[in-house]
Amino acid sequence: MKTHSKFYLSAMLLAFAIFTSSFRFHGFSAEIASLLLESANDQQKAKLLMAFDDAKRFDWSYVPPYQVARNGLPLKEMDSNQKDLVTQLLTMSLSEAGFNKVKMIMSLEDVLAELEDNPRRDPEMYFVSIYGKPGTIEPWAWQFDGHHISLHFTVVNGEVSYTPRFLGSNPGEVKNGHKEGLRVLGREEDLAFELLNSLKGAQKLQAVFSGSTFNDIVSKTVAQAKPLDRAGIAYDQLTDQQKKMLWAIVDEYLAVMPEKEARIRKSSILKEDVNLIMFGWAGSDKPGTPHYYRIQGLSFLIEFDNSQGNGNHIHTVWRDFDGDFGRDLIKEHYAKVKH
């Protein structure tokens, strides 16, 4: 198998030790993003930096870059210092658990390179793009995008939007080799099966709204997601224990974010009418076969699809209907600030 850089694993571990949660504030993110821009030569900066209002900010994908071209500067075209800066940006912008998931998803490119004998699979073909000027009073954003990863961070007046956020895993479970048994998104799957299997009789009939899956997430990669059909079982039809199971699933997705921001986002969800939250299932009720679920509330949508690869190829996404790409934060900003 072709040997790839492991994204400077030692630098990542060092970054974890240095940038603890108390240091993950957005002034440091702006400082690191600025350093990355300053380190870039003219050719790199032309790929890395775009205007905040550039329509490319809303253009994202999760298929391999050799199938759909990406905006931004790939890790493969960065020097070691620049890669370290990207690592620092990721460790500041994600929780430790979230960063670990991203790192493991990237490492699966080596697994696929071997399984498919495909040299185009490359854990350094992940792209960074910066929109606007980091650290100014004006909104700015940065993105990290490649196969099975699409992360979007929009910073407005010290607040951050973390969506849309896509994470995928192929294989969903590595069946052989030195990574055998690895399930990057295993908890997202297992917690949902626990809830599904706890449903009895009429509850399960409500929850399972289709006998087959859609072969992918339904919300796709549109710039602004709209609520899907209210399919499945409503929150107020769950028992107290089942409600705890549902929140455990939501918490697993929120846990990709830094702890403080995750608490804030959950608090905002709890202020909504939680009885309108729906848990819907499609496809098989047995692991290892194609299945799909969604959790949808007034402001958010979670989708999990494990249809491809005979139920061993996972796609997950979190969408905020009003907050993707910081739309709500930007609207509030421009309502307060004269331009």
C-alpha atoms as a PDB file:
ATOM      1  CA  MET A   1       0.000   0.000   0.000  1.00  0.00           C
ATOM      2  CA  LYS A   2       1.175   3.486  -0.819  1.00  0.00           C
ATOM      3  CA  THR A   3       2.478   5.228   2.276  1.00  0.00           C
ATOM      4  CA  HIS A   4       0.799   8.546   3.056  1.00  0.00           C
ATOM      5  CA  SER A   5       1.543  11.188   5.649  1.00  0.00           C
ATOM      6  CA  LYS A   6      -0.520  10.550   8.748  1.00  0.00           C
ATOM      7  CA  PHE A   7      -1.324  14.250   9.044  1.00  0.00           C
ATOM      8  CA  TYR A   8       1.508  14.736  11.454  1.00  0.00           C
ATOM      9  CA  LEU A   9       0.042  12.670  14.261  1.00  0.00           C
ATOM     10  CA  SER A  10       2.661  13.765  16.737  1.00  0.00           C
ATOM     11  CA  ALA A  11       1.746  17.391  16.091  1.00  0.00           C
ATOM     12  CA  MET A  12      -1.892  16.580  16.691  1.00  0.00           C
ATOM     13  CA  LEU A  13      -1.158  14.948  20.019  1.00  0.00           C
ATOM     14  CA  LEU A  14       0.962  17.903  21.009  1.00  0.00           C
ATOM     15  CA  ALA A  15      -1.850  20.251  20.055  1.00  0.00           C
ATOM     16  CA  PHE A  16      -4.219  18.326  22.308  1.00  0.00           C
ATOM     17  CA  ALA A  17      -1.861  18.774  25.234  1.00  0.00           C
ATOM     18  CA  ILE A  18      -1.471  22.491  24.633  1.00  0.00           C
ATOM     19  CA  PHE A  19      -4.908  23.616  23.528  1.00  0.00           C
ATOM     20  CA  THR A  20      -7.238  22.439  26.281  1.00  0.00           C
ATOM     21  CA  SER A  21     -10.849  23.523  26.392  1.00  0.00           C
ATOM     22  CA  SER A  22     -10.009  26.690  28.311  1.00  0.00           C
ATOM     23  CA  PHE A  23      -7.965  27.885  25.323  1.00  0.00           C
ATOM     24  CA  ARG A  24     -10.547  27.100  22.660  1.00  0.00           C
ATOM     25  CA  PHE A  25     -11.829  30.623  22.224  1.00  0.00           C
ATOM     26  CA  HIS A  26     -12.318  32.324  18.953  1.00  0.00           C
ATOM     27  CA  GLY A  27      -9.639  34.983  19.253  1.00  0.00           C
ATOM     28  CA  PHE A  28      -7.060  32.192  19.125  1.00  0.00           C
ATOM     29  CA  SER A  29      -8.843  30.650  16.127  1.00  0.00           C
ATOM     30  CA  ALA A  30      -8.616  33.989  14.328  1.00  0.00           C
ATOM     31  CA  GLU A  31      -4.957  34.329  15.282  1.00  0.00           C
ATOM     32  CA  ILE A  32      -4.097  30.867  13.957  1.00  0.00           C
ATOM     33  CA  ALA A  33      -6.100  31.419  10.772  1.00  0.00           C
ATOM     34  CA  SER A  34      -4.223  34.695  10.268  1.00  0.00           C
ATOM     35  CA  LEU A  35      -0.905  32.927  10.756  1.00  0.00           C
ATOM     36  CA  LEU A  36      -1.911  30.358   8.156  1.00  0.00           C
ATOM     37  CA  LEU A  37      -2.694  33.125   5.689  1.00  0.00           C
ATOM     38  CA  GLU A  38       0.594  34.895   6.444  1.00  0.00           C
ATOM     39  CA  SER A  39       2.510  31.665   5.820  1.00  0.00           C
ATOM     40  CA  ALA A  40       0.967  31.154   2.388  1.00  0.00           C
ATOM     41  CA  ASN A  41       2.729  32.146  -0.814  1.00  0.00           C
ATOM     42  CA  ASP A  42       0.772  33.908  -3.551  1.00  0.00           C
ATOM     43  CA  GLN A  43      -0.280  30.682  -5.264  1.00  0.00           C
ATOM     44  CA  GLN A  44      -1.428  29.131  -1.974  1.00  0.00           C
ATOM     45  CA  LYS A  45      -3.257  32.261  -0.848  1.00  0.00           C
ATOM     46  CA  ALA A  46      -5.173  32.394  -4.125  1.00  0.00           C
ATOM     47  CA  LYS A  47      -6.663  28.998  -3.210  1.00  0.00           C
ATOM     48  CA  LEU A  48      -6.913  29.565   0.540  1.00  0.00           C
ATOM     49  CA  LEU A  49      -8.518  32.994   0.864  1.00  0.00           C
ATOM     50  CA  MET A  50     -11.869  34.165  -0.504  1.00  0.00           C
ATOM     51  CA  ALA A  51     -14.234  37.038   0.191  1.00  0.00           C
ATOM     52  CA  PHE A  52     -16.794  36.352   2.895  1.00  0.00           C
ATOM     53  CA  ASP A  53     -19.642  36.929   0.456  1.00  0.00           C
ATOM     54  CA  ASP A  54     -18.186  34.554  -2.145  1.00  0.00           C
ATOM     55  CA  ALA A  55     -20.876  32.067  -3.173  1.00  0.00           C
ATOM     56  CA  LYS A  56     -18.281  29.282  -2.864  1.00  0.00           C
ATOM     57  CA  ARG A  57     -18.786  29.472   0.905  1.00  0.00           C
ATOM     58  CA  PHE A  58     -22.046  27.572   0.424  1.00  0.00           C
ATOM     59  CA  ASP A  59     -20.549  24.967  -1.921  1.00  0.00           C
ATOM     60  CA  TRP A  60     -19.726  21.700  -0.174  1.00  0.00           C
ATOM     61  CA  SER A  61     -19.477  17.981  -0.814  1.00  0.00           C
ATOM     62  CA  TYR A  62     -18.555  14.737   0.909  1.00  0.00           C
ATOM     63  CA  VAL A  63     -17.590  12.519  -2.028  1.00  0.00           C
ATOM     64  CA  PRO A  64     -13.893  11.956  -2.870  1.00  0.00           C
ATOM     65  CA  PRO A  65     -12.172  15.080  -4.260  1.00  0.00           C
ATOM     66  CA  TYR A  66     -11.199  13.231  -7.438  1.00  0.00           C
ATOM     67  CA  GLN A  67     -14.939  12.938  -8.136  1.00  0.00           C
ATOM     68  CA  VAL A  68     -15.988  16.457  -7.126  1.00  0.00           C
ATOM     69  CA  ALA A  69     -13.390  19.256  -7.049  1.00  0.00           C
ATOM     70  CA  ARG A  70     -13.066  21.259  -3.828  1.00  0.00           C
ATOM     71  CA  ASN A  71     -12.480  24.891  -2.958  1.00  0.00           C
ATOM     72  CA  GLY A  72      -9.465  25.756  -0.862  1.00  0.00           C
ATOM     73  CA  LEU A  73      -5.883  24.619  -0.323  1.00  0.00           C
ATOM     74  CA  PRO A  74      -5.278  20.888   0.246  1.00  0.00           C
ATOM     75  CA  LEU A  75      -3.051  19.613   3.043  1.00  0.00           C
ATOM     76  CA  LYS A  76      -0.973  17.936   0.349  1.00  0.00           C
ATOM     77  CA  GLU A  77       0.184  21.367  -0.879  1.00  0.00           C
ATOM     78  CA  MET A  78       1.111  22.662   2.592  1.00  0.00           C
ATOM     79  CA  ASP A  79       4.422  22.552   4.393  1.00  0.00           C
ATOM     80  CA  SER A  80       4.772  21.017   7.862  1.00  0.00           C
ATOM     81  CA  ASN A  81       4.257  24.349   9.659  1.00  0.00           C
ATOM     82  CA  GLN A  82       1.050  25.029   7.748  1.00  0.00           C
ATOM     83  CA  LYS A  83      -0.256  21.543   8.510  1.00  0.00           C
ATOM     84  CA  ASP A  84       0.471  22.150  12.191  1.00  0.00           C
ATOM     85  CA  LEU A  85      -1.564  25.363  12.023  1.00  0.00           C
ATOM     86  CA  VAL A  86      -4.495  23.477  10.482  1.00  0.00           C
ATOM     87  CA  THR A  87      -4.224  20.921  13.278  1.00  0.00           C
ATOM     88  CA  GLN A  88      -4.399  23.730  15.819  1.00  0.00           C
ATOM     89  CA  LEU A  89      -7.444  25.204  14.087  1.00  0.00           C
ATOM     90  CA  LEU A  90      -9.198  21.853  14.244  1.00  0.00           C
ATOM     91  CA  THR A  91      -8.342  21.199  17.892  1.00  0.00           C
ATOM     92  CA  MET A  92      -9.648  24.654  18.845  1.00  0.00           C
ATOM     93  CA  SER A  93     -12.809  24.335  16.775  1.00  0.00           C
ATOM     94  CA  LEU A  94     -13.800  20.805  17.855  1.00  0.00           C
ATOM     95  CA  SER A  95     -13.988  18.833  21.056  1.00  0.00           C
ATOM     96  CA  GLU A  96     -11.347  16.181  21.663  1.00  0.00           C
ATOM     97  CA  ALA A  97     -13.913  13.525  20.703  1.00  0.00           C
ATOM     98  CA  GLY A  98     -14.821  15.457  17.561  1.00  0.00           C
ATOM     99  CA  PHE A  99     -11.203  15.875  16.552  1.00  0.00           C
ATOM    100  CA  ASN A 100     -10.566  12.167  17.087  1.00  0.00           C
ATOM    101  CA  LYS A 101     -13.471  11.301  14.791  1.00  0.00           C
ATOM    102  CA  VAL A 102     -12.125  13.606  12.090  1.00  0.00           C
ATOM    103  CA  LYS A 103      -8.640  12.130  12.422  1.00  0.00           C
ATOM    104  CA  MET A 104      -9.958   8.545  12.189  1.00  0.00           C
ATOM    105  CA  ILE A 105     -12.164   9.331   9.181  1.00  0.00           C
ATOM    106  CA  MET A 106      -9.121  10.730   7.392  1.00  0.00           C
ATOM    107  CA  SER A 107      -7.152   7.593   8.253  1.00  0.00           C
ATOM    108  CA  LEU A 108      -9.781   5.456   6.507  1.00  0.00           C
ATOM    109  CA  GLU A 109      -8.491   6.805   3.188  1.00  0.00           C
ATOM    110  CA  ASP A 110      -5.469   4.551   3.684  1.00  0.00           C
ATOM    111  CA  VAL A 111      -7.806   1.607   4.348  1.00  0.00           C
ATOM    112  CA  LEU A 112      -9.729   2.346   1.135  1.00  0.00           C
ATOM    113  CA  ALA A 113      -6.493   2.791  -0.833  1.00  0.00           C
ATOM    114  CA  GLU A 114      -5.561  -0.763   0.117  1.00  0.00           C
ATOM    115  CA  LEU A 115      -9.021  -2.316  -0.278  1.00  0.00           C
ATOM    116  CA  GLU A 116      -9.558  -0.726  -3.693  1.00  0.00           C
ATOM    117  CA  ASP A 117      -5.917  -0.656  -4.825  1.00  0.00           C
ATOM    118  CA  ASN A 118      -6.668   3.011  -5.487  1.00  0.00           C
ATOM    119  CA  PRO A 119      -3.770   5.490  -5.238  1.00  0.00           C
ATOM    120  CA  ARG A 120      -6.201   8.416  -5.486  1.00  0.00           C
ATOM    121  CA  ARG A 121      -7.341   7.703  -1.921  1.00  0.00           C
ATOM    122  CA  ASP A 122      -5.214  10.115   0.067  1.00  0.00           C
ATOM    123  CA  PRO A 123      -5.593  11.341   3.681  1.00  0.00           C
ATOM    124  CA  GLU A 124      -3.928  14.608   2.675  1.00  0.00           C
ATOM    125  CA  MET A 125      -6.588  15.519   0.111  1.00  0.00           C
ATOM    126  CA  TYR A 126      -8.557  17.588   2.607  1.00  0.00           C
ATOM    127  CA  PHE A 127      -9.025  21.251   1.808  1.00  0.00           C
ATOM    128  CA  VAL A 128      -8.932  24.389   3.948  1.00  0.00           C
ATOM    129  CA  SER A 129     -10.595  27.622   2.884  1.00  0.00           C
ATOM    130  CA  ILE A 130     -10.916  30.941   4.724  1.00  0.00           C
ATOM    131  CA  TYR A 131     -13.590  33.505   3.945  1.00  0.00           C
ATOM    132  CA  GLY A 132     -13.170  37.116   5.022  1.00  0.00           C
ATOM    133  CA  LYS A 133     -10.554  38.509   7.383  1.00  0.00           C
ATOM    134  CA  PRO A 134     -10.124  36.526  10.627  1.00  0.00           C
ATOM    135  CA  GLY A 135     -10.386  38.521  13.837  1.00  0.00           C
ATOM    136  CA  THR A 136     -12.117  41.613  12.493  1.00  0.00           C
ATOM    137  CA  ILE A 137     -15.498  42.928  13.646  1.00  0.00           C
ATOM    138  CA  GLU A 138     -16.901  41.626  10.373  1.00  0.00           C
ATOM    139  CA  PRO A 139     -18.009  37.993  10.066  1.00  0.00           C
ATOM    140  CA  TRP A 140     -15.456  35.498   8.825  1.00  0.00           C
ATOM    141  CA  ALA A 141     -15.446  31.745   8.292  1.00  0.00           C
ATOM    142  CA  TRP A 142     -13.224  28.781   7.677  1.00  0.00           C
ATOM    143  CA  GLN A 143     -13.976  25.340   6.283  1.00  0.00           C
ATOM    144  CA  PHE A 144     -12.396  21.892   6.210  1.00  0.00           C
ATOM    145  CA  ASP A 145     -13.685  19.680   3.425  1.00  0.00           C
ATOM    146  CA  GLY A 146     -12.840  16.358   1.781  1.00  0.00           C
ATOM    147  CA  HIS A 147     -14.064  12.777   1.525  1.00  0.00           C
ATOM    148  CA  HIS A 148     -16.600  12.129   4.284  1.00  0.00           C
ATOM    149  CA  ILE A 149     -15.747  15.354   6.135  1.00  0.00           C
ATOM    150  CA  SER A 150     -17.314  18.769   5.628  1.00  0.00           C
ATOM    151  CA  LEU A 151     -16.917  21.202   8.535  1.00  0.00           C
ATOM    152  CA  HIS A 152     -18.058  24.827   8.452  1.00  0.00           C
ATOM    153  CA  PHE A 153     -17.215  27.392  11.129  1.00  0.00           C
ATOM    154  CA  THR A 154     -18.688  30.893  10.820  1.00  0.00           C
ATOM    155  CA  VAL A 155     -17.567  33.440  13.417  1.00  0.00           C
ATOM    156  CA  VAL A 156     -19.746  36.480  14.133  1.00  0.00           C
ATOM    157  CA  ASN A 157     -19.136  38.776  17.103  1.00  0.00           C
ATOM    158  CA  GLY A 158     -17.375  35.999  18.996  1.00  0.00           C
ATOM    159  CA  GLU A 159     -20.167  33.469  18.394  1.00  0.00           C
ATOM    160  CA  VAL A 160     -19.731  30.487  16.100  1.00  0.00           C
ATOM    161  CA  SER A 161     -21.992  28.521  13.797  1.00  0.00           C
ATOM    162  CA  TYR A 162     -20.863  24.881  13.454  1.00  0.00           C
ATOM    163  CA  THR A 163     -23.177  23.791  10.665  1.00  0.00           C
ATOM    164  CA  PRO A 164     -23.659  22.244   8.229  1.00  0.00           C
ATOM    165  CA  ARG A 165     -21.547  19.407   9.603  1.00  0.00           C
ATOM    166  CA  PHE A 166     -21.064  16.151   7.714  1.00  0.00           C
ATOM    167  CA  LEU A 167     -19.088  13.139   8.925  1.00  0.00           C
ATOM    168  CA  GLY A 168     -19.033   9.767   7.202  1.00  0.00           C
ATOM    169  CA  SER A 169     -17.262   6.441   7.518  1.00  0.00           C
ATOM    170  CA  ASN A 170     -16.343   3.904   4.860  1.00  0.00           C
ATOM    171  CA  PRO A 171     -16.062   1.188   5.949  1.00  0.00           C
ATOM    172  CA  GLY A 172     -18.551   1.715   8.760  1.00  0.00           C
ATOM    173  CA  GLU A 173     -16.684  -1.126  10.448  1.00  0.00           C
ATOM    174  CA  VAL A 174     -13.226  -2.164   9.276  1.00  0.00           C
ATOM    175  CA  LYS A 175     -13.413  -5.920   8.773  1.00  0.00           C
ATOM    176  CA  ASN A 176      -9.716  -6.778   8.492  1.00  0.00           C
ATOM    177  CA  GLY A 177      -6.215  -5.351   8.534  1.00  0.00           C
ATOM    178  CA  HIS A 178      -4.461  -3.425  11.276  1.00  0.00           C
ATOM    179  CA  LYS A 179      -7.558  -1.249  11.853  1.00  0.00           C
ATOM    180  CA  GLU A 180      -9.878  -4.255  12.148  1.00  0.00           C
ATOM    181  CA  GLY A 181     -12.854  -3.512  14.383  1.00  0.00           C
ATOM    182  CA  LEU A 182     -12.635   0.281  14.035  1.00  0.00           C
ATOM    183  CA  ARG A 183     -16.093   1.891  13.987  1.00  0.00           C
ATOM    184  CA  VAL A 184     -15.622   5.646  13.816  1.00  0.00           C
ATOM    185  CA  LEU A 185     -19.356   6.386  14.021  1.00  0.00           C
ATOM    186  CA  GLY A 186     -20.309   3.336  16.034  1.00  0.00           C
ATOM    187  CA  ARG A 187     -21.986   5.141  18.939  1.00  0.00           C
ATOM    188  CA  GLU A 188     -24.246   7.112  16.597  1.00  0.00           C
ATOM    189  CA  GLU A 189     -25.422   3.761  15.263  1.00  0.00           C
ATOM    190  CA  ASP A 190     -25.570   1.743  18.495  1.00  0.00           C
ATOM    191  CA  LEU A 191     -27.473   4.373  20.496  1.00  0.00           C
ATOM    192  CA  ALA A 192     -30.124   4.597  17.775  1.00  0.00           C
ATOM    193  CA  PHE A 193     -30.555   0.814  17.686  1.00  0.00           C
ATOM    194  CA  GLU A 194     -31.005   0.857  21.466  1.00  0.00           C
ATOM    195  CA  LEU A 195     -33.845   3.349  21.115  1.00  0.00           C
ATOM    196  CA  LEU A 196     -35.415   1.480  18.193  1.00  0.00           C
ATOM    197  CA  ASN A 197     -35.297  -1.839  20.047  1.00  0.00           C
ATOM    198  CA  SER A 198     -36.922  -0.271  23.106  1.00  0.00           C
ATOM    199  CA  LEU A 199     -40.009   0.695  21.118  1.00  0.00           C
ATOM    200  CA  LYS A 200     -42.982  -1.610  21.553  1.00  0.00           C
ATOM    201  CA  GLY A 201     -45.948  -2.406  19.321  1.00  0.00           C
ATOM    202  CA  ALA A 202     -47.626   0.763  18.072  1.00  0.00           C
ATOM    203  CA  GLN A 203     -44.552   2.821  18.981  1.00  0.00           C
ATOM    204  CA  LYS A 204     -42.353   0.892  16.557  1.00  0.00           C
ATOM    205  CA  LEU A 205     -45.036   0.996  13.855  1.00  0.00           C
ATOM    206  CA  GLN A 206     -44.990   4.777  14.156  1.00  0.00           C
ATOM    207  CA  ALA A 207     -41.213   5.076  14.207  1.00  0.00           C
ATOM    208  CA  VAL A 208     -40.457   2.865  11.173  1.00  0.00           C
ATOM    209  CA  PHE A 209     -41.932   4.945   8.367  1.00  0.00           C
ATOM    210  CA  SER A 210     -40.333   3.083   5.437  1.00  0.00           C
ATOM    211  CA  GLY A 211     -39.255  -0.478   4.812  1.00  0.00           C
ATOM    212  CA  SER A 212     -36.388   0.688   2.636  1.00  0.00           C
ATOM    213  CA  THR A 213     -33.766   3.406   2.912  1.00  0.00           C
ATOM    214  CA  PHE A 214     -33.024   6.297   0.564  1.00  0.00           C
ATOM    215  CA  ASN A 215     -29.447   5.146  -0.169  1.00  0.00           C
ATOM    216  CA  ASP A 216     -28.087   8.414   1.275  1.00  0.00           C
ATOM    217  CA  ILE A 217     -28.993  11.387   3.442  1.00  0.00           C
ATOM    218  CA  VAL A 218     -32.177  13.045   2.192  1.00  0.00           C
ATOM    219  CA  SER A 219     -31.179  16.679   2.835  1.00  0.00           C
ATOM    220  CA  LYS A 220     -28.251  16.389   0.386  1.00  0.00           C
ATOM    221  CA  THR A 221     -25.766  19.288   0.141  1.00  0.00           C
ATOM    222  CA  VAL A 222     -28.116  22.180  -0.525  1.00  0.00           C
ATOM    223  CA  ALA A 223     -27.011  25.563   0.787  1.00  0.00           C
ATOM    224  CA  GLN A 224     -30.089  25.916   2.985  1.00  0.00           C
ATOM    225  CA  ALA A 225     -31.796  22.826   4.339  1.00  0.00           C
ATOM    226  CA  LYS A 226     -35.551  22.749   4.803  1.00  0.00           C
ATOM    227  CA  PRO A 227     -37.449  20.524   7.251  1.00  0.00           C
ATOM    228  CA  LEU A 228     -38.168  17.044   5.945  1.00  0.00           C
ATOM    229  CA  ASP A 229     -41.519  15.308   6.269  1.00  0.00           C
ATOM    230  CA  ARG A 230     -42.584  14.788   9.884  1.00  0.00           C
ATOM    231  CA  ALA A 231     -42.004  11.049   9.750  1.00  0.00           C
ATOM    232  CA  GLY A 232     -41.644   8.699  12.707  1.00  0.00           C
ATOM    233  CA  ILE A 233     -42.667   8.850  16.340  1.00  0.00           C
ATOM    234  CA  ALA A 234     -43.082  12.125  18.224  1.00  0.00           C
ATOM    235  CA  TYR A 235     -41.172  12.882  21.410  1.00  0.00           C
ATOM    236  CA  ASP A 236     -44.306  12.947  23.551  1.00  0.00           C
ATOM    237  CA  GLN A 237     -45.103   9.383  22.500  1.00  0.00           C
ATOM    238  CA  LEU A 238     -41.904   8.094  24.112  1.00  0.00           C
ATOM    239  CA  THR A 239     -41.535   6.859  27.667  1.00  0.00           C
ATOM    240  CA  ASP A 240     -39.248   8.750  30.035  1.00  0.00           C
ATOM    241  CA  GLN A 241     -36.490   6.171  29.514  1.00  0.00           C
ATOM    242  CA  GLN A 242     -36.875   6.337  25.750  1.00  0.00           C
ATOM    243  CA  LYS A 243     -36.648  10.141  25.905  1.00  0.00           C
ATOM    244  CA  LYS A 244     -33.305   9.741  27.696  1.00  0.00           C
ATOM    245  CA  MET A 245     -32.189   7.405  24.908  1.00  0.00           C
ATOM    246  CA  LEU A 246     -33.120   9.982  22.282  1.00  0.00           C
ATOM    247  CA  TRP A 247     -31.186  12.732  24.086  1.00  0.00           C
ATOM    248  CA  ALA A 248     -28.193  10.398  24.305  1.00  0.00           C
ATOM    249  CA  ILE A 249     -28.180  10.244  20.491  1.00  0.00           C
ATOM    250  CA  VAL A 250     -28.469  14.028  20.181  1.00  0.00           C
ATOM    251  CA  ASP A 251     -25.695  14.463  22.754  1.00  0.00           C
ATOM    252  CA  GLU A 252     -23.394  12.220  20.717  1.00  0.00           C
ATOM    253  CA  TYR A 253     -23.742  14.548  17.743  1.00  0.00           C
ATOM    254  CA  LEU A 254     -23.391  17.657  19.897  1.00  0.00           C
ATOM    255  CA  ALA A 255     -20.241  16.202  21.471  1.00  0.00           C
ATOM    256  CA  VAL A 256     -18.308  16.927  18.270  1.00  0.00           C
ATOM    257  CA  MET A 257     -18.450  20.599  19.310  1.00  0.00           C
ATOM    258  CA  PRO A 258     -16.453  22.117  22.193  1.00  0.00           C
ATOM    259  CA  GLU A 259     -18.243  21.459  25.484  1.00  0.00           C
ATOM    260  CA  LYS A 260     -19.371  25.029  26.142  1.00  0.00           C
ATOM    261  CA  GLU A 261     -20.830  25.485  22.661  1.00  0.00           C
ATOM    262  CA  ALA A 262     -22.514  22.071  22.830  1.00  0.00           C
ATOM    263  CA  ARG A 263     -24.228  23.063  26.089  1.00  0.00           C
ATOM    264  CA  ILE A 264     -25.424  26.323  24.560  1.00  0.00           C
ATOM    265  CA  ARG A 265     -26.834  24.566  21.488  1.00  0.00           C
ATOM    266  CA  LYS A 266     -28.639  21.953  23.573  1.00  0.00           C
ATOM    267  CA  SER A 267     -30.059  24.652  25.834  1.00  0.00           C
ATOM    268  CA  SER A 268     -31.496  26.422  22.809  1.00  0.00           C
ATOM    269  CA  ILE A 269     -33.106  23.161  21.618  1.00  0.00           C
ATOM    270  CA  LEU A 270     -34.654  22.579  25.059  1.00  0.00           C
ATOM    271  CA  LYS A 271     -36.281  26.013  24.863  1.00  0.00           C
ATOM    272  CA  GLU A 272     -38.180  24.907  21.773  1.00  0.00           C
ATOM    273  CA  ASP A 273     -41.279  22.709  21.840  1.00  0.00           C
ATOM    274  CA  VAL A 274     -39.459  19.406  22.303  1.00  0.00           C
ATOM    275  CA  ASN A 275     -42.704  17.481  21.871  1.00  0.00           C
ATOM    276  CA  LEU A 276     -42.436  18.270  18.171  1.00  0.00           C
ATOM    277  CA  ILE A 277     -39.128  16.374  17.872  1.00  0.00           C
ATOM    278  CA  MET A 278     -39.526  13.302  15.681  1.00  0.00           C
ATOM    279  CA  PHE A 279     -37.499  10.079  15.608  1.00  0.00           C
ATOM    280  CA  GLY A 280     -37.940   8.248  12.322  1.00  0.00           C
ATOM    281  CA  TRP A 281     -36.450   4.994  11.057  1.00  0.00           C
ATOM    282  CA  ALA A 282     -36.255   3.463   7.572  1.00  0.00           C
ATOM    283  CA  GLY A 283     -34.941   0.135   6.347  1.00  0.00           C
ATOM    284  CA  SER A 284     -33.822  -2.872   8.346  1.00  0.00           C
ATOM    285  CA  ASP A 285     -34.002  -3.115  12.118  1.00  0.00           C
ATOM    286  CA  LYS A 286     -30.921  -5.343  12.198  1.00  0.00           C
ATOM    287  CA  PRO A 287     -27.289  -4.149  12.322  1.00  0.00           C
ATOM    288  CA  GLY A 288     -25.182  -4.993   9.313  1.00  0.00           C
ATOM    289  CA  THR A 289     -28.013  -4.399   6.845  1.00  0.00           C
ATOM    290  CA  PRO A 290     -29.125  -1.114   5.221  1.00  0.00           C
ATOM    291  CA  HIS A 291     -30.829   1.277   7.638  1.00  0.00           C
ATOM    292  CA  TYR A 292     -31.456   4.987   8.142  1.00  0.00           C
ATOM    293  CA  TYR A 293     -32.764   7.281  10.862  1.00  0.00           C
ATOM    294  CA  ARG A 294     -33.460  10.947  11.389  1.00  0.00           C
ATOM    295  CA  ILE A 295     -34.108  13.155  14.390  1.00  0.00           C
ATOM    296  CA  GLN A 296     -35.828  16.400  13.501  1.00  0.00           C
ATOM    297  CA  GLY A 297     -36.824  19.309  15.721  1.00  0.00           C
ATOM    298  CA  LEU A 298     -38.024  22.823  15.044  1.00  0.00           C
ATOM    299  CA  SER A 299     -34.522  24.176  14.423  1.00  0.00           C
ATOM    300  CA  PHE A 300     -32.374  21.163  13.503  1.00  0.00           C
ATOM    301  CA  LEU A 301     -32.099  17.942  11.559  1.00  0.00           C
ATOM    302  CA  ILE A 302     -29.877  14.931  12.223  1.00  0.00           C
ATOM    303  CA  GLU A 303     -29.623  12.264   9.530  1.00  0.00           C
ATOM    304  CA  PHE A 304     -27.808   8.932   9.709  1.00  0.00           C
ATOM    305  CA  ASP A 305     -27.650   6.677   6.666  1.00  0.00           C
ATOM    306  CA  ASN A 306     -25.968   3.282   6.489  1.00  0.00           C
ATOM    307  CA  SER A 307     -27.329   2.027   3.181  1.00  0.00           C
ATOM    308  CA  GLN A 308     -24.352   1.696   0.884  1.00  0.00           C
ATOM    309  CA  GLY A 309     -21.845  -1.128   1.030  1.00  0.00           C
ATOM    310  CA  ASN A 310     -24.566  -3.531   2.219  1.00  0.00           C
ATOM    311  CA  GLY A 311     -24.983  -1.549   5.394  1.00  0.00           C
ATOM    312  CA  ASN A 312     -21.303  -0.771   6.016  1.00  0.00           C
ATOM    313  CA  HIS A 313     -20.905   2.770   4.676  1.00  0.00           C
ATOM    314  CA  ILE A 314     -22.174   5.571   6.934  1.00  0.00           C
ATOM    315  CA  HIS A 315     -23.181   9.163   6.210  1.00  0.00           C
ATOM    316  CA  THR A 316     -24.244  11.551   9.002  1.00  0.00           C
ATOM    317  CA  VAL A 317     -25.189  15.212   8.932  1.00  0.00           C
ATOM    318  CA  TRP A 318     -26.400  17.946  11.284  1.00  0.00           C
ATOM    319  CA  ARG A 319     -28.291  20.840   9.688  1.00  0.00           C
ATOM    320  CA  ASP A 320     -29.641  23.974  11.379  1.00  0.00           C
ATOM    321  CA  PHE A 321     -32.576  25.330   9.412  1.00  0.00           C
ATOM    322  CA  ASP A 322     -31.902  28.984  10.286  1.00  0.00           C
ATOM    323  CA  GLY A 323     -28.295  28.753  11.469  1.00  0.00           C
ATOM    324  CA  ASP A 324     -26.363  26.926   8.739  1.00  0.00           C
ATOM    325  CA  PHE A 325     -23.370  28.995   7.612  1.00  0.00           C
ATOM    326  CA  GLY A 326     -24.154  31.407  10.470  1.00  0.00           C
ATOM    327  CA  ARG A 327     -27.255  32.843   8.784  1.00  0.00           C
ATOM    328  CA  ASP A 328     -28.997  33.683  12.060  1.00  0.00           C
ATOM    329  CA  LEU A 329     -25.844  35.213  13.573  1.00  0.00           C
ATOM    330  CA  ILE A 330     -25.130  37.241  10.431  1.00  0.00           C
ATOM    331  CA  LYS A 331     -28.706  38.533  10.265  1.00  0.00           C
ATOM    332  CA  GLU A 332     -28.505  39.658  13.886  1.00  0.00           C
ATOM    333  CA  HIS A 333     -25.104  41.247  13.282  1.00  0.00           C
ATOM    334  CA  TYR A 334     -26.242  43.349  10.339  1.00  0.00           C
ATOM    335  CA  ALA A 335     -29.388  44.378  12.195  1.00  0.00           C
ATOM    336  CA  LYS A 336     -27.187  45.906  14.916  1.00  0.00           C
ATOM    337  CA  VAL A 337     -24.231  47.234  12.934  1.00  0.00           C
ATOM    338  CA  LYS A 338     -24.501  49.975  10.319  1.00  0.00           C
ATOM    339  CA  HIS A 339     -22.516  49.439   7.086  1.00  0.00           C
END
